[in-house]
Structures are given as structure tokens and as C-alpha cells.
Amino acid sequence: MQQKQIESVSGLLKSISHPIRLQILCLLQDGEMSVADLLEKIHTTNANISQHLSVLRNQGVIGARKNANFIYNRIIDPRVSELINSLDRLFCSSGTR
């Protein structure tokens, strides 16, 4: 890997390494979710979820769309989906979420 690639991968790994962000990505593996849906599953504050979603958006990992009063988030980087699937296979005892 070239230095530029190393820095890019390092930034990506830092952005997904927080437990809440990793949990968000695991949930988004099954498809698009609203902030309210994520709040229901993660049990934290709206501000906390929004902050973590912002980190993932700024890194180019997720995208969002607004529909009426709801913001729906989804993974937009297929490499991240592949990485989350690999982590699931390697570290989850049953191999599924």
C-alpha cells in the first residue's frame, strides 16, 4: 500500500472503530434506517446518534435522504459493507447478527 492509501484506510478504520458507529453500521447492513429506528435499537440520545452519523457521513461511509420529517441513512460504500460482513463472519460466534 502507498502512504496515501494507508492514510485513507486508517481514517476509515478510525471512523468505524467506535462501538456505537460499528453498531450503526451493523444495523444498516440490513437496509436503510431512520434516526428514530436507530435510536430504538441503540438506546442513546438523539444528539449522540446524530454526532456518530455525522462522522460516518463525513468519511463517506453512509449517505442520508430526507423524507418529510424523517432522515433515512444507508451505507453507500460497498467496501464498508464487505468489511462489516467479514467482521461478522470472523468474530460473531453464530456467523449472523
Protein backbone atom coordinates (compact mmCIF):
# COMPACT_ATOMS: atom_id res chain seq x y z
CA MET A 1 0.00 0.00 0.00
CA GLN A 2 1.10 3.53 -0.75
CA GLN A 3 1.23 6.12 2.05
CA LYS A 4 -1.87 7.90 0.71
CA GLN A 5 -3.82 4.61 0.74
CA ILE A 6 -2.60 3.80 4.24
CA GLU A 7 -3.81 7.17 5.49
CA SER A 8 -7.18 6.71 3.78
CA VAL A 9 -7.70 3.22 5.21
CA SER A 10 -6.56 4.37 8.64
CA GLY A 11 -9.11 7.21 8.57
CA LEU A 12 -11.86 4.80 7.56
CA LEU A 13 -10.98 2.33 10.29
CA LYS A 14 -10.91 5.12 12.88
CA SER A 15 -14.35 6.27 11.79
CA ILE A 16 -15.92 2.83 12.24
CA SER A 17 -13.98 1.75 15.34
CA HIS A 18 -16.27 3.41 17.90
CA PRO A 19 -18.75 0.86 19.35
CA ILE A 20 -21.82 2.97 18.53
CA ARG A 21 -20.68 3.62 14.97
CA LEU A 22 -19.92 -0.05 14.47
CA GLN A 23 -23.37 -0.90 15.83
CA ILE A 24 -24.96 1.62 13.45
CA LEU A 25 -23.17 0.01 10.51
CA CYS A 26 -24.23 -3.47 11.59
CA LEU A 27 -27.83 -2.29 11.72
CA LEU A 28 -27.58 -0.56 8.35
CA GLN A 29 -26.30 -3.79 6.77
CA ASP A 30 -29.93 -4.93 6.67
CA GLY A 31 -31.02 -1.76 4.87
CA GLU A 32 -31.87 1.87 5.28
CA MET A 33 -32.96 3.08 8.71
CA SER A 34 -34.30 6.33 10.11
CA VAL A 35 -32.68 8.06 13.06
CA ALA A 36 -35.73 7.07 15.13
CA ASP A 37 -35.21 3.41 14.18
CA LEU A 38 -31.56 3.62 15.19
CA LEU A 39 -32.48 5.26 18.50
CA GLU A 40 -34.86 2.43 19.26
CA LYS A 41 -32.13 -0.17 18.73
CA ILE A 42 -29.14 1.63 20.24
CA HIS A 43 -30.69 3.31 23.31
CA THR A 44 -28.75 6.55 23.41
CA THR A 45 -29.61 10.19 22.86
CA ASN A 46 -30.66 11.72 19.57
CA ALA A 47 -27.69 14.10 19.79
CA ASN A 48 -25.28 11.19 20.28
CA ILE A 49 -26.68 9.26 17.30
CA SER A 50 -26.56 12.39 15.15
CA GLN A 51 -22.94 13.01 16.09
CA HIS A 52 -21.91 9.48 15.16
CA LEU A 53 -23.89 9.59 11.91
CA SER A 54 -22.11 12.84 11.06
CA VAL A 55 -18.70 11.18 11.48
CA LEU A 56 -19.75 8.33 9.19
CA ARG A 57 -21.22 10.74 6.61
CA ASN A 58 -18.09 12.92 6.63
CA GLN A 59 -15.96 9.84 5.99
CA GLY A 60 -18.17 8.90 3.01
CA VAL A 61 -19.34 5.66 4.64
CA ILE A 62 -23.06 6.46 4.80
CA GLY A 63 -25.49 8.63 2.93
CA ALA A 64 -28.78 10.10 4.02
CA ARG A 65 -32.04 11.14 2.44
CA LYS A 66 -34.84 13.16 3.92
CA ASN A 67 -38.47 12.13 3.54
CA ALA A 68 -40.91 14.51 5.28
CA ASN A 69 -39.69 14.73 8.89
CA PHE A 70 -37.51 11.63 8.75
CA ILE A 71 -33.89 11.20 7.74
CA TYR A 72 -33.00 7.76 6.41
CA ASN A 73 -29.42 6.52 6.50
CA ARG A 74 -27.75 3.83 4.42
CA ILE A 75 -24.27 2.52 3.74
CA ILE A 76 -23.01 3.95 0.45
CA ASP A 77 -19.50 2.47 0.38
CA PRO A 78 -19.72 -1.17 -0.74
CA ARG A 79 -16.26 -1.83 0.72
CA VAL A 80 -17.63 -0.99 4.16
CA SER A 81 -20.50 -3.46 3.69
CA GLU A 82 -18.00 -6.11 2.70
CA LEU A 83 -15.82 -5.27 5.71
CA ILE A 84 -18.78 -5.47 8.12
CA ASN A 85 -19.79 -8.83 6.62
CA SER A 86 -16.22 -10.09 7.05
CA LEU A 87 -16.08 -8.91 10.66
CA ASP A 88 -19.39 -10.63 11.30
CA ARG A 89 -18.10 -13.92 9.87
CA LEU A 90 -14.79 -13.70 11.72
CA PHE A 91 -15.92 -12.55 15.15
CA CYS A 92 -19.55 -13.48 15.69
CA SER A 93 -19.94 -16.98 17.08
CA SER A 94 -23.09 -17.80 15.12
CA GLY A 95 -21.94 -16.02 11.96
CA THR A 96 -25.07 -13.89 11.89
CA ARG A 97 -26.21 -10.71 13.56
